[in-house]
C-alpha atoms as a PDB file:
ATOM      1  CA  UNK A   1     150.720  75.072   8.281  1.00  0.00           C
ATOM      2  CA  UNK A   2     153.332  73.258   8.519  1.00  0.00           C
ATOM      3  CA  UNK A   3     154.650  74.466  12.022  1.00  0.00           C
ATOM      4  CA  UNK A   4     150.980  74.134  13.218  1.00  0.00           C
ATOM      5  CA  UNK A   5     151.299  70.519  12.074  1.00  0.00           C
ATOM      6  CA  UNK A   6     154.384  69.625  13.996  1.00  0.00           C
ATOM      7  CA  UNK A   7     152.805  71.111  16.746  1.00  0.00           C
ATOM      8  CA  UNK A   8     150.080  68.620  16.686  1.00  0.00           C
ATOM      9  CA  UNK A   9     152.574  65.818  16.727  1.00  0.00           C
ATOM     10  CA  UNK A  10     154.694  66.839  19.506  1.00  0.00           C
ATOM     11  CA  UNK A  11     151.630  67.568  21.283  1.00  0.00           C
ATOM     12  CA  UNK A  12     150.413  63.556  20.224  1.00  0.00           C
ATOM     13  CA  UNK A  13     153.774  62.319  21.946  1.00  0.00           C
ATOM     14  CA  UNK A  14     153.475  64.514  24.628  1.00  0.00           C
ATOM     15  CA  UNK A  15     150.341  63.161  26.179  1.00  0.00           C
ATOM     16  CA  UNK A  16     150.891  59.565  26.451  1.00  0.00           C
ATOM     17  CA  UNK A  17     153.932  60.316  28.630  1.00  0.00           C
ATOM     18  CA  UNK A  18     152.268  62.229  30.721  1.00  0.00           C
ATOM     19  CA  UNK A  19     149.416  60.117  31.385  1.00  0.00           C
ATOM     20  CA  UNK A  20     152.424  57.328  32.113  1.00  0.00           C
ATOM     21  CA  UNK A  21     154.042  59.773  34.925  1.00  0.00           C
ATOM     22  CA  UNK A  22     150.756  59.854  36.573  1.00  0.00           C
ATOM     23  CA  UNK A  23     149.803  56.639  36.703  1.00  0.00           C
ATOM     24  CA  UNK A  24     153.463  55.988  38.784  1.00  0.00           C
ATOM     25  CA  UNK A  25     153.211  58.427  41.244  1.00  0.00           C
ATOM     26  CA  UNK A  26     150.399  57.050  42.897  1.00  0.00           C
ATOM     27  CA  UNK A  27     151.875  53.550  43.280  1.00  0.00           C
ATOM     28  CA  UNK A  28     155.179  54.549  44.507  1.00  0.00           C
ATOM     29  CA  UNK A  29     153.201  56.424  47.348  1.00  0.00           C
ATOM     30  CA  UNK A  30     151.374  53.549  48.130  1.00  0.00           C
ATOM     31  CA  UNK A  31     154.486  51.455  48.303  1.00  0.00           C
ATOM     32  CA  UNK A  32     156.388  53.443  50.777  1.00  0.00           C
ATOM     33  CA  UNK A  33     152.861  53.369  52.824  1.00  0.00           C
ATOM     34  CA  UNK A  34     153.273  49.712  53.807  1.00  0.00           C
ATOM     35  CA  UNK A  35     156.914  50.082  54.174  1.00  0.00           C
ATOM     36  CA  UNK A  36     156.544  52.805  57.343  1.00  0.00           C
ATOM     37  CA  UNK A  37     153.449  50.436  58.321  1.00  0.00           C
ATOM     38  CA  UNK A  38     155.852  47.374  57.952  1.00  0.00           C
ATOM     39  CA  UNK A  39     158.380  49.498  60.180  1.00  0.00           C
ATOM     40  CA  UNK A  40     155.673  50.631  62.702  1.00  0.00           C
ATOM     41  CA  UNK A  41     155.668  46.874  64.682  1.00  0.00           C
ATOM     42  CA  UNK A  42     159.702  46.842  64.654  1.00  0.00           C
ATOM     43  CA  UNK A  43     158.933  49.890  67.043  1.00  0.00           C
ATOM     44  CA  UNK A  44     156.602  48.229  69.069  1.00  0.00           C
ATOM     45  CA  UNK A  45     158.524  45.625  70.326  1.00  0.00           C
ATOM     46  CA  UNK A  46     161.425  47.716  71.834  1.00  0.00           C
ATOM     47  CA  UNK A  47     160.156  47.704  75.535  1.00  0.00           C
ATOM     48  CA  UNK A  48     161.083  43.579  75.366  1.00  0.00           C
ATOM     49  CA  UNK A  49     164.275  44.138  77.027  1.00  0.00           C
ATOM     50  CA  UNK A  50     162.582  46.304  79.879  1.00  0.00           C
ATOM     51  CA  UNK A  51     159.843  43.496  80.871  1.00  0.00           C
ATOM     52  CA  UNK A  52     162.832  41.154  81.165  1.00  0.00           C
ATOM     53  CA  UNK A  53     165.008  43.309  83.332  1.00  0.00           C
ATOM     54  CA  UNK A  54     161.469  43.641  85.519  1.00  0.00           C
ATOM     55  CA  UNK A  55     161.241  39.949  85.796  1.00  0.00           C
ATOM     56  CA  UNK A  56     164.825  39.560  86.688  1.00  0.00           C
ATOM     57  CA  UNK A  57     164.995  42.413  89.555  1.00  0.00           C
ATOM     58  CA  UNK A  58     161.698  41.175  90.672  1.00  0.00           C
ATOM     59  CA  UNK A  59     163.682  37.552  91.331  1.00  0.00           C
ATOM     60  CA  UNK A  60     166.473  39.472  92.433  1.00  0.00           C
ATOM     61  CA  UNK A  61     164.012  41.271  95.571  1.00  0.00           C
ATOM     62  CA  UNK A  62     162.459  37.994  96.347  1.00  0.00           C
ATOM     63  CA  UNK A  63     165.863  35.901  96.781  1.00  0.00           C
ATOM     64  CA  UNK A  64     167.161  39.000  99.145  1.00  0.00           C
ATOM     65  CA  UNK A  65     163.397  38.835 101.004  1.00  0.00           C
ATOM     66  CA  UNK A  66     164.029  34.905 101.217  1.00  0.00           C
ATOM     67  CA  UNK A  67     168.281  35.076 102.619  1.00  0.00           C
ATOM     68  CA  UNK A  68     167.315  37.836 105.396  1.00  0.00           C
ATOM     69  CA  UNK A  69     164.139  35.679 106.666  1.00  0.00           C
ATOM     70  CA  UNK A  70     166.587  32.652 106.740  1.00  0.00           C
ATOM     71  CA  UNK A  71     168.948  35.027 108.513  1.00  0.00           C
ATOM     72  CA  UNK A  72     166.756  35.816 111.316  1.00  0.00           C
ATOM     73  CA  UNK A  73     165.785  32.260 111.347  1.00  0.00           C
ATOM     74  CA  UNK A  74     169.076  30.766 111.805  1.00  0.00           C
ATOM     75  CA  UNK A  75     169.481  33.716 114.648  1.00  0.00           C
ATOM     76  CA  UNK A  76     167.150  32.911 116.391  1.00  0.00           C
ATOM     77  CA  UNK A  77     167.639  29.100 116.767  1.00  0.00           C
ATOM     78  CA  UNK A  78     171.517  30.583 117.786  1.00  0.00           C
ATOM     79  CA  UNK A  79     170.045  32.518 120.551  1.00  0.00           C
ATOM     80  CA  UNK A  80     167.494  29.978 121.780  1.00  0.00           C
ATOM     81  CA  UNK A  81     169.882  26.668 121.427  1.00  0.00           C
ATOM     82  CA  UNK A  82     173.295  28.404 122.104  1.00  0.00           C
ATOM     83  CA  UNK A  83     172.778  28.348 126.224  1.00  0.00           C
ATOM     84  CA  UNK A  84     175.050  26.133 127.574  1.00  0.00           C
ATOM     85  CA  UNK A  85     172.581  24.604 130.721  1.00  0.00           C
ATOM     86  CA  UNK A  86     169.495  23.628 130.780  1.00  0.00           C
ATOM     87  CA  UNK A  87     167.593  23.055 133.969  1.00  0.00           C
ATOM     88  CA  UNK A  88     164.294  20.728 134.098  1.00  0.00           C
ATOM     89  CA  UNK A  89     161.619  20.739 136.930  1.00  0.00           C
ATOM     90  CA  UNK A  90     158.292  18.847 136.574  1.00  0.00           C
ATOM     91  CA  UNK A  91     156.522  15.846 137.202  1.00  0.00           C
ATOM     92  CA  UNK A  92     155.774  12.388 135.711  1.00  0.00           C
ATOM     93  CA  UNK A  93     153.830   9.435 135.611  1.00  0.00           C
ATOM     94  CA  UNK A  94     154.453   5.566 134.992  1.00  0.00           C
ATOM     95  CA  UNK A  95     152.842   2.534 135.366  1.00  0.00           C
ATOM     96  CA  UNK A  96     154.249  -0.266 137.448  1.00  0.00           C
ATOM     97  CA  UNK A  97     154.139  -3.917 138.407  1.00  0.00           C
ATOM     98  CA  UNK A  98     154.669  -4.012 142.324  1.00  0.00           C
ATOM     99  CA  UNK A  99     155.097  -7.918 143.006  1.00  0.00           C
ATOM    100  CA  UNK A 100     155.310 -11.344 140.533  1.00  0.00           C
ATOM    101  CA  UNK A 101     151.257 -11.349 141.125  1.00  0.00           C
ATOM    102  CA  UNK A 102     150.184  -8.188 141.410  1.00  0.00           C
ATOM    103  CA  UNK A 103     148.248  -5.911 139.208  1.00  0.00           C
ATOM    104  CA  UNK A 104     150.021  -2.530 137.489  1.00  0.00           C
ATOM    105  CA  UNK A 105     149.547   0.480 139.496  1.00  0.00           C
ATOM    106  CA  UNK A 106     149.770   4.376 138.553  1.00  0.00           C
ATOM    107  CA  UNK A 107     152.381   6.349 139.999  1.00  0.00           C
ATOM    108  CA  UNK A 108     153.345  10.115 140.259  1.00  0.00           C
ATOM    109  CA  UNK A 109     156.793  11.521 140.362  1.00  0.00           C
ATOM    110  CA  UNK A 110     158.346  14.819 141.048  1.00  0.00           C
ATOM    111  CA  UNK A 111     161.505  15.353 138.415  1.00  0.00           C
ATOM    112  CA  UNK A 112     164.469  17.400 138.485  1.00  0.00           C
ATOM    113  CA  UNK A 113     167.206  17.061 135.836  1.00  0.00           C
ATOM    114  CA  UNK A 114     170.036  19.412 134.669  1.00  0.00           C
ATOM    115  CA  UNK A 115     171.856  19.023 131.016  1.00  0.00           C
ATOM    116  CA  UNK A 116     175.183  20.635 130.316  1.00  0.00           C
ATOM    117  CA  UNK A 117     175.336  21.136 126.482  1.00  0.00           C
ATOM    118  CA  UNK A 118     178.838  20.671 124.826  1.00  0.00           C
ATOM    119  CA  UNK A 119     176.892  22.499 121.476  1.00  0.00           C
ATOM    120  CA  UNK A 120     173.486  23.515 120.583  1.00  0.00           C
ATOM    121  CA  UNK A 121     172.549  19.681 120.185  1.00  0.00           C
ATOM    122  CA  UNK A 122     174.761  17.386 122.269  1.00  0.00           C
ATOM    123  CA  UNK A 123     174.637  17.726 125.802  1.00  0.00           C
ATOM    124  CA  UNK A 124     174.683  15.088 128.711  1.00  0.00           C
ATOM    125  CA  UNK A 125     172.063  15.050 131.410  1.00  0.00           C
ATOM    126  CA  UNK A 126     171.981  14.452 135.191  1.00  0.00           C
ATOM    127  CA  UNK A 127     168.412  13.341 136.583  1.00  0.00           C
ATOM    128  CA  UNK A 128     166.595  13.189 139.860  1.00  0.00           C
ATOM    129  CA  UNK A 129     162.981  11.504 140.750  1.00  0.00           C
ATOM    130  CA  UNK A 130     160.886   9.842 143.264  1.00  0.00           C
ATOM    131  CA  UNK A 131     157.611   7.901 141.803  1.00  0.00           C
ATOM    132  CA  UNK A 132     154.679   7.166 145.033  1.00  0.00           C
ATOM    133  CA  UNK A 133     151.811   5.047 144.321  1.00  0.00           C
ATOM    134  CA  UNK A 134     149.257   2.896 145.974  1.00  0.00           C
ATOM    135  CA  UNK A 135     149.086  -0.972 145.235  1.00  0.00           C
ATOM    136  CA  UNK A 136     146.312  -2.934 145.429  1.00  0.00           C
ATOM    137  CA  UNK A 137     147.381  -6.392 147.288  1.00  0.00           C
ATOM    138  CA  UNK A 138     143.711  -7.757 147.965  1.00  0.00           C
ATOM    139  CA  UNK A 139     142.473  -9.862 150.770  1.00  0.00           C
ATOM    140  CA  UNK A 140     145.015 -11.250 153.003  1.00  0.00           C
ATOM    141  CA  UNK A 141     146.180 -12.256 156.779  1.00  0.00           C
ATOM    142  CA  UNK A 142     147.057  -8.535 157.213  1.00  0.00           C
ATOM    143  CA  UNK A 143     144.179  -5.595 157.593  1.00  0.00           C
ATOM    144  CA  UNK A 144     146.459  -3.937 155.103  1.00  0.00           C
ATOM    145  CA  UNK A 145     145.074  -3.859 151.178  1.00  0.00           C
ATOM    146  CA  UNK A 146     146.370  -0.736 149.659  1.00  0.00           C
ATOM    147  CA  UNK A 147     149.987   0.051 150.644  1.00  0.00           C
ATOM    148  CA  UNK A 148     151.477   2.940 149.426  1.00  0.00           C
ATOM    149  CA  UNK A 149     154.900   2.428 148.044  1.00  0.00           C
ATOM    150  CA  UNK A 150     157.677   4.658 146.381  1.00  0.00           C
ATOM    151  CA  UNK A 151     160.829   4.531 144.228  1.00  0.00           C
ATOM    152  CA  UNK A 152     163.664   6.837 143.847  1.00  0.00           C
ATOM    153  CA  UNK A 153     166.051   6.999 141.041  1.00  0.00           C
ATOM    154  CA  UNK A 154     169.351   8.330 139.725  1.00  0.00           C
ATOM    155  CA  UNK A 155     170.348   8.829 136.050  1.00  0.00           C
ATOM    156  CA  UNK A 156     173.321  10.155 133.748  1.00  0.00           C
ATOM    157  CA  UNK A 157     173.126  10.115 130.008  1.00  0.00           C
ATOM    158  CA  UNK A 158     173.275  11.688 126.395  1.00  0.00           C
ATOM    159  CA  UNK A 159     170.558  14.181 125.121  1.00  0.00           C
ATOM    160  CA  UNK A 160     170.592  15.114 121.329  1.00  0.00           C
ATOM    161  CA  UNK A 161     168.322  17.370 119.637  1.00  0.00           C
ATOM    162  CA  UNK A 162     167.121  16.129 116.336  1.00  0.00           C
ATOM    163  CA  UNK A 163     165.028  18.788 115.218  1.00  0.00           C
ATOM    164  CA  UNK A 164     165.456  22.706 116.100  1.00  0.00           C
ATOM    165  CA  UNK A 165     163.235  25.080 115.369  1.00  0.00           C
ATOM    166  CA  UNK A 166     162.804  28.774 117.059  1.00  0.00           C
ATOM    167  CA  UNK A 167     159.644  27.835 118.571  1.00  0.00           C
ATOM    168  CA  UNK A 168     159.676  23.813 119.267  1.00  0.00           C
ATOM    169  CA  UNK A 169     162.396  21.401 119.144  1.00  0.00           C
ATOM    170  CA  UNK A 170     162.221  17.874 119.084  1.00  0.00           C
ATOM    171  CA  UNK A 171     165.386  15.744 121.035  1.00  0.00           C
ATOM    172  CA  UNK A 172     166.185  12.429 122.226  1.00  0.00           C
ATOM    173  CA  UNK A 173     167.341  11.173 126.002  1.00  0.00           C
ATOM    174  CA  UNK A 174     168.764   7.447 126.589  1.00  0.00           C
ATOM    175  CA  UNK A 175     169.915   7.743 130.297  1.00  0.00           C
ATOM    176  CA  UNK A 176     171.073   4.903 133.284  1.00  0.00           C
ATOM    177  CA  UNK A 177     171.411   4.733 136.584  1.00  0.00           C
ATOM    178  CA  UNK A 178     170.853   3.177 140.022  1.00  0.00           C
ATOM    179  CA  UNK A 179     166.835   2.778 141.049  1.00  0.00           C
ATOM    180  CA  UNK A 180     166.101   2.221 144.985  1.00  0.00           C
ATOM    181  CA  UNK A 181     162.633   0.793 146.030  1.00  0.00           C
ATOM    182  CA  UNK A 182     160.331   1.228 149.594  1.00  0.00           C
ATOM    183  CA  UNK A 183     157.913  -1.056 149.245  1.00  0.00           C
ATOM    184  CA  UNK A 184     157.878  -1.763 152.846  1.00  0.00           C
ATOM    185  CA  UNK A 185     157.110   1.610 154.203  1.00  0.00           C
ATOM    186  CA  UNK A 186     153.555   1.211 154.941  1.00  0.00           C
ATOM    187  CA  UNK A 187     152.813  -2.671 155.506  1.00  0.00           C
ATOM    188  CA  UNK A 188     152.777  -2.124 159.286  1.00  0.00           C
ATOM    189  CA  UNK A 189     155.607  -4.127 159.963  1.00  0.00           C
ATOM    190  CA  UNK A 190     154.490  -6.964 158.362  1.00  0.00           C
ATOM    191  CA  UNK A 191     156.786  -7.282 155.287  1.00  0.00           C
ATOM    192  CA  UNK A 192     156.820  -7.195 151.458  1.00  0.00           C
ATOM    193  CA  UNK A 193     156.088 -11.120 150.938  1.00  0.00           C
ATOM    194  CA  UNK A 194     153.453 -11.727 153.280  1.00  0.00           C
ATOM    195  CA  UNK A 195     151.863  -9.025 150.741  1.00  0.00           C
ATOM    196  CA  UNK A 196     152.852 -10.002 147.668  1.00  0.00           C
ATOM    197  CA  UNK A 197     155.095  -7.071 147.294  1.00  0.00           C
ATOM    198  CA  UNK A 198     158.601  -7.325 145.730  1.00  0.00           C
ATOM    199  CA  UNK A 199     161.419  -6.635 148.602  1.00  0.00           C
ATOM    200  CA  UNK A 200     162.691  -3.387 149.009  1.00  0.00           C
ATOM    201  CA  UNK A 201     166.159  -3.292 147.134  1.00  0.00           C
ATOM    202  CA  UNK A 202     168.686  -0.809 144.963  1.00  0.00           C
ATOM    203  CA  UNK A 203     169.064  -1.882 141.217  1.00  0.00           C
ATOM    204  CA  UNK A 204     169.599  -0.445 137.814  1.00  0.00           C
ATOM    205  CA  UNK A 205     167.820   1.767 135.726  1.00  0.00           C
ATOM    206  CA  UNK A 206     167.077   2.355 132.490  1.00  0.00           C
ATOM    207  CA  UNK A 207     165.062   4.969 130.735  1.00  0.00           C
ATOM    208  CA  UNK A 208     164.859   6.410 127.053  1.00  0.00           C
ATOM    209  CA  UNK A 209     162.390   8.849 125.848  1.00  0.00           C
ATOM    210  CA  UNK A 210     161.877  11.694 123.098  1.00  0.00           C
ATOM    211  CA  UNK A 211     161.860  15.620 124.471  1.00  0.00           C
ATOM    212  CA  UNK A 212     159.040  17.730 122.814  1.00  0.00           C
ATOM    213  CA  UNK A 213     159.436  21.508 124.168  1.00  0.00           C
ATOM    214  CA  UNK A 214     157.413  24.743 122.770  1.00  0.00           C
ATOM    215  CA  UNK A 215     159.641  27.585 123.168  1.00  0.00           C
ATOM    216  CA  UNK A 216     158.160  30.624 125.446  1.00  0.00           C
ATOM    217  CA  UNK A 217     161.013  32.190 125.119  1.00  0.00           C
ATOM    218  CA  UNK A 218     164.682  31.903 124.390  1.00  0.00           C
ATOM    219  CA  UNK A 219     165.254  31.129 127.842  1.00  0.00           C
ATOM    220  CA  UNK A 220     161.817  28.915 128.806  1.00  0.00           C
ATOM    221  CA  UNK A 221     160.043  26.177 127.279  1.00  0.00           C
ATOM    222  CA  UNK A 222     157.313  23.402 128.084  1.00  0.00           C
ATOM    223  CA  UNK A 223     158.301  20.065 128.048  1.00  0.00           C
ATOM    224  CA  UNK A 224     156.564  16.863 127.368  1.00  0.00           C
ATOM    225  CA  UNK A 225     158.523  13.767 127.158  1.00  0.00           C
ATOM    226  CA  UNK A 226     157.188   9.937 126.496  1.00  0.00           C
ATOM    227  CA  UNK A 227     159.172   7.844 128.258  1.00  0.00           C
ATOM    228  CA  UNK A 228     160.161   3.558 128.324  1.00  0.00           C
ATOM    229  CA  UNK A 229     161.390   2.952 131.736  1.00  0.00           C
ATOM    230  CA  UNK A 230     163.166  -0.426 132.667  1.00  0.00           C
ATOM    231  CA  UNK A 231     164.125  -1.630 136.399  1.00  0.00           C
ATOM    232  CA  UNK A 232     165.065  -4.811 138.186  1.00  0.00           C
ATOM    233  CA  UNK A 233     163.135  -5.127 141.077  1.00  0.00           C
ATOM    234  CA  UNK A 234     162.678  -8.346 142.340  1.00  0.00           C
ATOM    235  CA  UNK A 235     165.142  -9.275 140.215  1.00  0.00           C
ATOM    236  CA  UNK A 236     162.754  -9.134 137.084  1.00  0.00           C
ATOM    237  CA  UNK A 237     162.797  -6.960 134.184  1.00  0.00           C
ATOM    238  CA  UNK A 238     160.383  -4.190 134.523  1.00  0.00           C
ATOM    239  CA  UNK A 239     158.810  -2.991 131.410  1.00  0.00           C
ATOM    240  CA  UNK A 240     157.212   0.820 132.394  1.00  0.00           C
ATOM    241  CA  UNK A 241     155.632   2.936 130.305  1.00  0.00           C
ATOM    242  CA  UNK A 242     155.038   6.485 131.272  1.00  0.00           C
ATOM    243  CA  UNK A 243     156.220  10.078 130.689  1.00  0.00           C
ATOM    244  CA  UNK A 244     157.481  12.970 132.255  1.00  0.00           C
ATOM    245  CA  UNK A 245     156.202  16.801 131.852  1.00  0.00           C
ATOM    246  CA  UNK A 246     157.154  20.346 133.286  1.00  0.00           C
ATOM    247  CA  UNK A 247     159.343  23.842 132.267  1.00  0.00           C
ATOM    248  CA  UNK A 248     162.691  24.128 131.239  1.00  0.00           C
ATOM    249  CA  UNK A 249     164.999  27.111 131.972  1.00  0.00           C
ATOM    250  CA  UNK A 250     167.850  27.809 129.856  1.00  0.00           C
ATOM    251  CA  UNK A 251     170.954  29.520 130.844  1.00  0.00           C
ATOM    252  CA  UNK A 252     174.723  30.454 130.369  1.00  0.00           C
ATOM    253  CA  UNK A 253     176.276  31.366 127.230  1.00  0.00           C
END
């Protein structure tokens, strides 16, 4: 009887302890689960350095592409503008006043030039041209009312390329030289004074122009050049405007 009582007391003490152990075991497992969940995001952030490396790799590839493109452009410019000589053949247009009281007339010309370049930008040009037109002198004591006139010019001066691209270029040019007029050739011997024309003379000539060229190839281009042209026919300062146009051929290395 005594032994049974001791066993009952021991059993009553063990039951609360067992209940507390069972209550603690789920909480420990639930604590472990959030800990594992907290660690999971840390593992998903691992690829971040890889994406940064990819971006750096793309930037490096784009830089190499730009560098190669710039290298090709520079080489094309050098191949086009490193020629020693440049020959021009073309025509021109000019508005000229042929006499002190006469109206301006349109003159058309042939034009040839040769430029020797010392580098890709700077050269010296020798230019020769002839202008032809018909002057309207009005009614007079002769039967000549529309005589043909002409003048011929030789010039030299520097040419400087301001802007160079593989497909086109822009240059500036200033030249000076002499101009010889032939205003009396079609007056039937009456001379220029009766018709109101300036007398035949040899005088100065000054030209300033902007040369625009479109390249067909590294050797050949098309040119259009607006021009200011100043002469001293009749001891007057002639401020004439016009342009030249034609073909440019580059040669010599």
